[in-house]
Amino acid sequence: MITGMVGAAGGIGGFFVPNLLGSLKQLTGTYAAGFICYAIIGIIGFSVLLIARQNWKKSLAINNMPVKV
């Protein structure tokens, strides 16, 4: 199951990354826009993980489970 999920993520990444970079290069004439777009996506993903981490800590504290940081 995990192998399939990793393979699917790799397939999606292998499809969208070149397409988005190529499309943005044609529109803007530079690869910078594509890398900025991926940086923003990464920052959003990191922010979502930080918020989820706080929620996980709260739910573990409610259940009296030890929290490791």
PDB file of N, CA and C in Angstrom:
ATOM      1  N   MET A   1       0.820  -1.186   0.000  1.00  0.00           N
ATOM      2  CA  MET A   1       0.000   0.000   0.000  1.00  0.00           C
ATOM      3  C   MET A   1       0.872   1.261   0.000  1.00  0.00           C
ATOM      4  N   ILE A   2       1.865   1.291   0.867  1.00  0.00           N
ATOM      5  CA  ILE A   2       2.734   2.462   0.926  1.00  0.00           C
ATOM      6  C   ILE A   2       3.513   2.606  -0.380  1.00  0.00           C
ATOM      7  N   THR A   3       3.961   1.499  -0.917  1.00  0.00           N
ATOM      8  CA  THR A   3       4.706   1.545  -2.174  1.00  0.00           C
ATOM      9  C   THR A   3       3.856   2.155  -3.285  1.00  0.00           C
ATOM     10  N   GLY A   4       2.596   1.820  -3.312  1.00  0.00           N
ATOM     11  CA  GLY A   4       1.696   2.383  -4.316  1.00  0.00           C
ATOM     12  C   GLY A   4       1.500   3.881  -4.137  1.00  0.00           C
ATOM     13  N   MET A   5       1.401   4.318  -2.877  1.00  0.00           N
ATOM     14  CA  MET A   5       1.222   5.752  -2.614  1.00  0.00           C
ATOM     15  C   MET A   5       2.474   6.532  -2.998  1.00  0.00           C
ATOM     16  N   VAL A   6       3.628   5.979  -2.689  1.00  0.00           N
ATOM     17  CA  VAL A   6       4.880   6.642  -3.049  1.00  0.00           C
ATOM     18  C   VAL A   6       5.026   6.690  -4.568  1.00  0.00           C
ATOM     19  N   GLY A   7       4.691   5.595  -5.231  1.00  0.00           N
ATOM     20  CA  GLY A   7       4.754   5.566  -6.692  1.00  0.00           C
ATOM     21  C   GLY A   7       3.789   6.557  -7.332  1.00  0.00           C
ATOM     22  N   ALA A   8       2.591   6.670  -6.759  1.00  0.00           N
ATOM     23  CA  ALA A   8       1.611   7.624  -7.285  1.00  0.00           C
ATOM     24  C   ALA A   8       2.094   9.061  -7.102  1.00  0.00           C
ATOM     25  N   ALA A   9       2.658   9.351  -5.936  1.00  0.00           N
ATOM     26  CA  ALA A   9       3.176  10.705  -5.694  1.00  0.00           C
ATOM     27  C   ALA A   9       4.314  11.022  -6.660  1.00  0.00           C
ATOM     28  N   GLY A  10       5.178  10.055  -6.904  1.00  0.00           N
ATOM     29  CA  GLY A  10       6.270  10.256  -7.860  1.00  0.00           C
ATOM     30  C   GLY A  10       5.758  10.463  -9.271  1.00  0.00           C
ATOM     31  N   GLY A  11       4.729   9.720  -9.632  1.00  0.00           N
ATOM     32  CA  GLY A  11       4.141   9.874 -10.965  1.00  0.00           C
ATOM     33  C   GLY A  11       3.486  11.231 -11.139  1.00  0.00           C
ATOM     34  N   ILE A  12       2.781  11.672 -10.113  1.00  0.00           N
ATOM     35  CA  ILE A  12       2.144  12.989 -10.178  1.00  0.00           C
ATOM     36  C   ILE A  12       3.208  14.072 -10.262  1.00  0.00           C
ATOM     37  N   GLY A  13       4.238  13.959  -9.411  1.00  0.00           N
ATOM     38  CA  GLY A  13       5.319  14.944  -9.434  1.00  0.00           C
ATOM     39  C   GLY A  13       6.059  14.954 -10.762  1.00  0.00           C
ATOM     40  N   GLY A  14       6.265  13.793 -11.320  1.00  0.00           N
ATOM     41  CA  GLY A  14       6.950  13.695 -12.598  1.00  0.00           C
ATOM     42  C   GLY A  14       6.135  14.237 -13.754  1.00  0.00           C
ATOM     43  N   PHE A  15       4.842  14.360 -13.554  1.00  0.00           N
ATOM     44  CA  PHE A  15       3.972  14.902 -14.597  1.00  0.00           C
ATOM     45  C   PHE A  15       3.769  16.403 -14.437  1.00  0.00           C
ATOM     46  N   PHE A  16       3.437  16.840 -13.228  1.00  0.00           N
ATOM     47  CA  PHE A  16       3.076  18.243 -13.020  1.00  0.00           C
ATOM     48  C   PHE A  16       4.272  19.184 -12.987  1.00  0.00           C
ATOM     49  N   VAL A  17       5.377  18.762 -12.412  1.00  0.00           N
ATOM     50  CA  VAL A  17       6.533  19.662 -12.295  1.00  0.00           C
ATOM     51  C   VAL A  17       7.008  20.144 -13.669  1.00  0.00           C
ATOM     52  N   PRO A  18       7.302  19.245 -14.617  1.00  0.00           N
ATOM     53  CA  PRO A  18       7.758  19.737 -15.919  1.00  0.00           C
ATOM     54  C   PRO A  18       6.694  20.537 -16.668  1.00  0.00           C
ATOM     55  N   ASN A  19       5.440  20.114 -16.539  1.00  0.00           N
ATOM     56  CA  ASN A  19       4.372  20.833 -17.247  1.00  0.00           C
ATOM     57  C   ASN A  19       4.190  22.246 -16.703  1.00  0.00           C
ATOM     58  N   LEU A  20       4.186  22.392 -15.385  1.00  0.00           N
ATOM     59  CA  LEU A  20       4.015  23.719 -14.811  1.00  0.00           C
ATOM     60  C   LEU A  20       5.223  24.602 -15.104  1.00  0.00           C
ATOM     61  N   LEU A  21       6.417  24.051 -14.939  1.00  0.00           N
ATOM     62  CA  LEU A  21       7.608  24.847 -15.229  1.00  0.00           C
ATOM     63  C   LEU A  21       7.649  25.273 -16.700  1.00  0.00           C
ATOM     64  N   GLY A  22       7.320  24.359 -17.590  1.00  0.00           N
ATOM     65  CA  GLY A  22       7.322  24.687 -19.014  1.00  0.00           C
ATOM     66  C   GLY A  22       6.267  25.722 -19.370  1.00  0.00           C
ATOM     67  N   SER A  23       5.080  25.571 -18.808  1.00  0.00           N
ATOM     68  CA  SER A  23       4.003  26.524 -19.097  1.00  0.00           C
ATOM     69  C   SER A  23       4.347  27.919 -18.585  1.00  0.00           C
ATOM     70  N   LEU A  24       4.881  27.987 -17.363  1.00  0.00           N
ATOM     71  CA  LEU A  24       5.232  29.296 -16.817  1.00  0.00           C
ATOM     72  C   LEU A  24       6.416  29.913 -17.550  1.00  0.00           C
ATOM     73  N   LYS A  25       7.333  29.077 -18.052  1.00  0.00           N
ATOM     74  CA  LYS A  25       8.458  29.616 -18.834  1.00  0.00           C
ATOM     75  C   LYS A  25       7.949  30.223 -20.134  1.00  0.00           C
ATOM     76  N   GLN A  26       6.987  29.563 -20.763  1.00  0.00           N
ATOM     77  CA  GLN A  26       6.422  30.120 -21.995  1.00  0.00           C
ATOM     78  C   GLN A  26       5.687  31.429 -21.730  1.00  0.00           C
ATOM     79  N   LEU A  27       4.983  31.514 -20.604  1.00  0.00           N
ATOM     80  CA  LEU A  27       4.232  32.730 -20.291  1.00  0.00           C
ATOM     81  C   LEU A  27       5.133  33.886 -19.879  1.00  0.00           C
ATOM     82  N   THR A  28       6.163  33.577 -19.057  1.00  0.00           N
ATOM     83  CA  THR A  28       6.974  34.655 -18.484  1.00  0.00           C
ATOM     84  C   THR A  28       8.349  34.789 -19.127  1.00  0.00           C
ATOM     85  N   GLY A  29       8.818  33.739 -19.791  1.00  0.00           N
ATOM     86  CA  GLY A  29      10.144  33.779 -20.404  1.00  0.00           C
ATOM     87  C   GLY A  29      11.265  33.382 -19.459  1.00  0.00           C
ATOM     88  N   THR A  30      10.927  32.991 -18.224  1.00  0.00           N
ATOM     89  CA  THR A  30      11.942  32.593 -17.259  1.00  0.00           C
ATOM     90  C   THR A  30      11.401  31.471 -16.374  1.00  0.00           C
ATOM     91  N   TYR A  31      12.312  30.702 -15.809  1.00  0.00           N
ATOM     92  CA  TYR A  31      11.913  29.628 -14.903  1.00  0.00           C
ATOM     93  C   TYR A  31      11.627  30.134 -13.495  1.00  0.00           C
ATOM     94  N   ALA A  32      11.978  31.378 -13.215  1.00  0.00           N
ATOM     95  CA  ALA A  32      11.829  31.920 -11.861  1.00  0.00           C
ATOM     96  C   ALA A  32      10.385  31.836 -11.372  1.00  0.00           C
ATOM     97  N   ALA A  33       9.424  32.117 -12.231  1.00  0.00           N
ATOM     98  CA  ALA A  33       8.018  32.083 -11.826  1.00  0.00           C
ATOM     99  C   ALA A  33       7.610  30.679 -11.362  1.00  0.00           C
ATOM    100  N   GLY A  34       8.086  29.668 -12.042  1.00  0.00           N
ATOM    101  CA  GLY A  34       7.776  28.297 -11.648  1.00  0.00           C
ATOM    102  C   GLY A  34       8.375  27.940 -10.303  1.00  0.00           C
ATOM    103  N   PHE A  35       9.617  28.350 -10.078  1.00  0.00           N
ATOM    104  CA  PHE A  35      10.253  28.046  -8.798  1.00  0.00           C
ATOM    105  C   PHE A  35       9.613  28.834  -7.660  1.00  0.00           C
ATOM    106  N   ILE A  36       9.179  30.060  -7.942  1.00  0.00           N
ATOM    107  CA  ILE A  36       8.464  30.834  -6.933  1.00  0.00           C
ATOM    108  C   ILE A  36       7.134  30.155  -6.602  1.00  0.00           C
ATOM    109  N   CYS A  37       6.458  29.661  -7.610  1.00  0.00           N
ATOM    110  CA  CYS A  37       5.199  28.953  -7.412  1.00  0.00           C
ATOM    111  C   CYS A  37       5.402  27.721  -6.528  1.00  0.00           C
ATOM    112  N   TYR A  38       6.436  26.935  -6.802  1.00  0.00           N
ATOM    113  CA  TYR A  38       6.714  25.755  -5.992  1.00  0.00           C
ATOM    114  C   TYR A  38       7.150  26.131  -4.579  1.00  0.00           C
ATOM    115  N   ALA A  39       7.854  27.244  -4.417  1.00  0.00           N
ATOM    116  CA  ALA A  39       8.226  27.710  -3.082  1.00  0.00           C
ATOM    117  C   ALA A  39       6.978  28.076  -2.276  1.00  0.00           C
ATOM    118  N   ILE A  40       6.037  28.741  -2.916  1.00  0.00           N
ATOM    119  CA  ILE A  40       4.786  29.114  -2.238  1.00  0.00           C
ATOM    120  C   ILE A  40       4.004  27.873  -1.843  1.00  0.00           C
ATOM    121  N   ILE A  41       3.928  26.898  -2.727  1.00  0.00           N
ATOM    122  CA  ILE A  41       3.242  25.641  -2.412  1.00  0.00           C
ATOM    123  C   ILE A  41       3.918  24.962  -1.222  1.00  0.00           C
ATOM    124  N   GLY A  42       5.243  24.961  -1.194  1.00  0.00           N
ATOM    125  CA  GLY A  42       5.976  24.364  -0.079  1.00  0.00           C
ATOM    126  C   GLY A  42       5.715  25.083   1.235  1.00  0.00           C
ATOM    127  N   ILE A  43       5.678  26.402   1.201  1.00  0.00           N
ATOM    128  CA  ILE A  43       5.411  27.185   2.411  1.00  0.00           C
ATOM    129  C   ILE A  43       3.990  26.925   2.913  1.00  0.00           C
ATOM    130  N   ILE A  44       3.044  26.842   2.004  1.00  0.00           N
ATOM    131  CA  ILE A  44       1.660  26.534   2.397  1.00  0.00           C
ATOM    132  C   ILE A  44       1.588  25.146   3.024  1.00  0.00           C
ATOM    133  N   GLY A  45       2.239  24.166   2.412  1.00  0.00           N
ATOM    134  CA  GLY A  45       2.246  22.811   2.966  1.00  0.00           C
ATOM    135  C   GLY A  45       2.873  22.762   4.346  1.00  0.00           C
ATOM    136  N   PHE A  46       3.979  23.484   4.534  1.00  0.00           N
ATOM    137  CA  PHE A  46       4.641  23.532   5.825  1.00  0.00           C
ATOM    138  C   PHE A  46       3.737  24.180   6.874  1.00  0.00           C
ATOM    139  N   SER A  47       3.035  25.219   6.489  1.00  0.00           N
ATOM    140  CA  SER A  47       2.111  25.889   7.405  1.00  0.00           C
ATOM    141  C   SER A  47       0.975  24.960   7.822  1.00  0.00           C
ATOM    142  N   VAL A  48       0.454  24.207   6.870  1.00  0.00           N
ATOM    143  CA  VAL A  48      -0.608  23.248   7.182  1.00  0.00           C
ATOM    144  C   VAL A  48      -0.097  22.200   8.170  1.00  0.00           C
ATOM    145  N   LEU A  49       1.126  21.734   7.996  1.00  0.00           N
ATOM    146  CA  LEU A  49       1.683  20.760   8.927  1.00  0.00           C
ATOM    147  C   LEU A  49       1.866  21.342  10.323  1.00  0.00           C
ATOM    148  N   LEU A  50       2.283  22.596  10.426  1.00  0.00           N
ATOM    149  CA  LEU A  50       2.427  23.225  11.742  1.00  0.00           C
ATOM    150  C   LEU A  50       1.079  23.335  12.445  1.00  0.00           C
ATOM    151  N   ILE A  51       0.041  23.703  11.706  1.00  0.00           N
ATOM    152  CA  ILE A  51      -1.297  23.793  12.288  1.00  0.00           C
ATOM    153  C   ILE A  51      -1.771  22.405  12.707  1.00  0.00           C
ATOM    154  N   ALA A  52      -1.553  21.413  11.869  1.00  0.00           N
ATOM    155  CA  ALA A  52      -1.960  20.043  12.202  1.00  0.00           C
ATOM    156  C   ALA A  52      -1.216  19.538  13.432  1.00  0.00           C
ATOM    157  N   ARG A  53       0.050  19.900  13.556  1.00  0.00           N
ATOM    158  CA  ARG A  53       0.847  19.479  14.720  1.00  0.00           C
ATOM    159  C   ARG A  53       0.228  20.002  16.009  1.00  0.00           C
ATOM    160  N   GLN A  54      -0.213  21.262  16.003  1.00  0.00           N
ATOM    161  CA  GLN A  54      -0.841  21.830  17.191  1.00  0.00           C
ATOM    162  C   GLN A  54      -2.139  21.084  17.521  1.00  0.00           C
ATOM    163  N   ASN A  55      -2.914  20.748  16.517  1.00  0.00           N
ATOM    164  CA  ASN A  55      -4.156  20.008  16.740  1.00  0.00           C
ATOM    165  C   ASN A  55      -3.873  18.607  17.257  1.00  0.00           C
ATOM    166  N   TRP A  56      -2.818  17.964  16.749  1.00  0.00           N
ATOM    167  CA  TRP A  56      -2.461  16.625  17.229  1.00  0.00           C
ATOM    168  C   TRP A  56      -2.045  16.681  18.692  1.00  0.00           C
ATOM    169  N   LYS A  57      -1.278  17.706  19.061  1.00  0.00           N
ATOM    170  CA  LYS A  57      -0.856  17.848  20.458  1.00  0.00           C
ATOM    171  C   LYS A  57      -2.067  18.031  21.364  1.00  0.00           C
ATOM    172  N   LYS A  58      -3.025  18.849  20.933  1.00  0.00           N
ATOM    173  CA  LYS A  58      -4.226  19.069  21.740  1.00  0.00           C
ATOM    174  C   LYS A  58      -5.015  17.776  21.910  1.00  0.00           C
ATOM    175  N   SER A  59      -5.165  17.021  20.838  1.00  0.00           N
ATOM    176  CA  SER A  59      -5.943  15.782  20.933  1.00  0.00           C
ATOM    177  C   SER A  59      -5.223  14.747  21.790  1.00  0.00           C
ATOM    178  N   LEU A  60      -3.892  14.715  21.761  1.00  0.00           N
ATOM    179  CA  LEU A  60      -3.153  13.787  22.609  1.00  0.00           C
ATOM    180  C   LEU A  60      -3.227  14.207  24.071  1.00  0.00           C
ATOM    181  N   ALA A  61      -3.205  15.507  24.327  1.00  0.00           N
ATOM    182  CA  ALA A  61      -3.302  15.998  25.697  1.00  0.00           C
ATOM    183  C   ALA A  61      -4.671  15.685  26.291  1.00  0.00           C
ATOM    184  N   ILE A  62      -5.707  15.767  25.480  1.00  0.00           N
ATOM    185  CA  ILE A  62      -7.059  15.442  25.947  1.00  0.00           C
ATOM    186  C   ILE A  62      -7.138  13.969  26.328  1.00  0.00           C
ATOM    187  N   ASN A  63      -6.467  13.117  25.593  1.00  0.00           N
ATOM    188  CA  ASN A  63      -6.493  11.676  25.855  1.00  0.00           C
ATOM    189  C   ASN A  63      -5.437  11.246  26.873  1.00  0.00           C
ATOM    190  N   ASN A  64      -4.764  12.214  27.506  1.00  0.00           N
ATOM    191  CA  ASN A  64      -3.741  11.946  28.520  1.00  0.00           C
ATOM    192  C   ASN A  64      -2.595  11.085  28.000  1.00  0.00           C
ATOM    193  N   MET A  65      -2.236  11.263  26.771  1.00  0.00           N
ATOM    194  CA  MET A  65      -1.115  10.520  26.209  1.00  0.00           C
ATOM    195  C   MET A  65       0.117  11.423  26.270  1.00  0.00           C
ATOM    196  N   PRO A  66       1.296  10.836  26.513  1.00  0.00           N
ATOM    197  CA  PRO A  66       2.508  11.668  26.545  1.00  0.00           C
ATOM    198  C   PRO A  66       2.810  12.250  25.167  1.00  0.00           C
ATOM    199  N   VAL A  67       3.258  13.489  25.170  1.00  0.00           N
ATOM    200  CA  VAL A  67       3.560  14.202  23.926  1.00  0.00           C
ATOM    201  C   VAL A  67       5.066  14.354  23.817  1.00  0.00           C
ATOM    202  N   LYS A  68       5.659  13.841  22.731  1.00  0.00           N
ATOM    203  CA  LYS A  68       7.080  13.997  22.481  1.00  0.00           C
ATOM    204  C   LYS A  68       7.258  15.075  21.424  1.00  0.00           C
ATOM    205  N   VAL A  69       8.156  15.989  21.676  1.00  0.00           N
ATOM    206  CA  VAL A  69       8.395  17.070  20.714  1.00  0.00           C
ATOM    207  C   VAL A  69       9.720  16.851  20.048  1.00  0.00           C
TER     208      VAL A  69
END
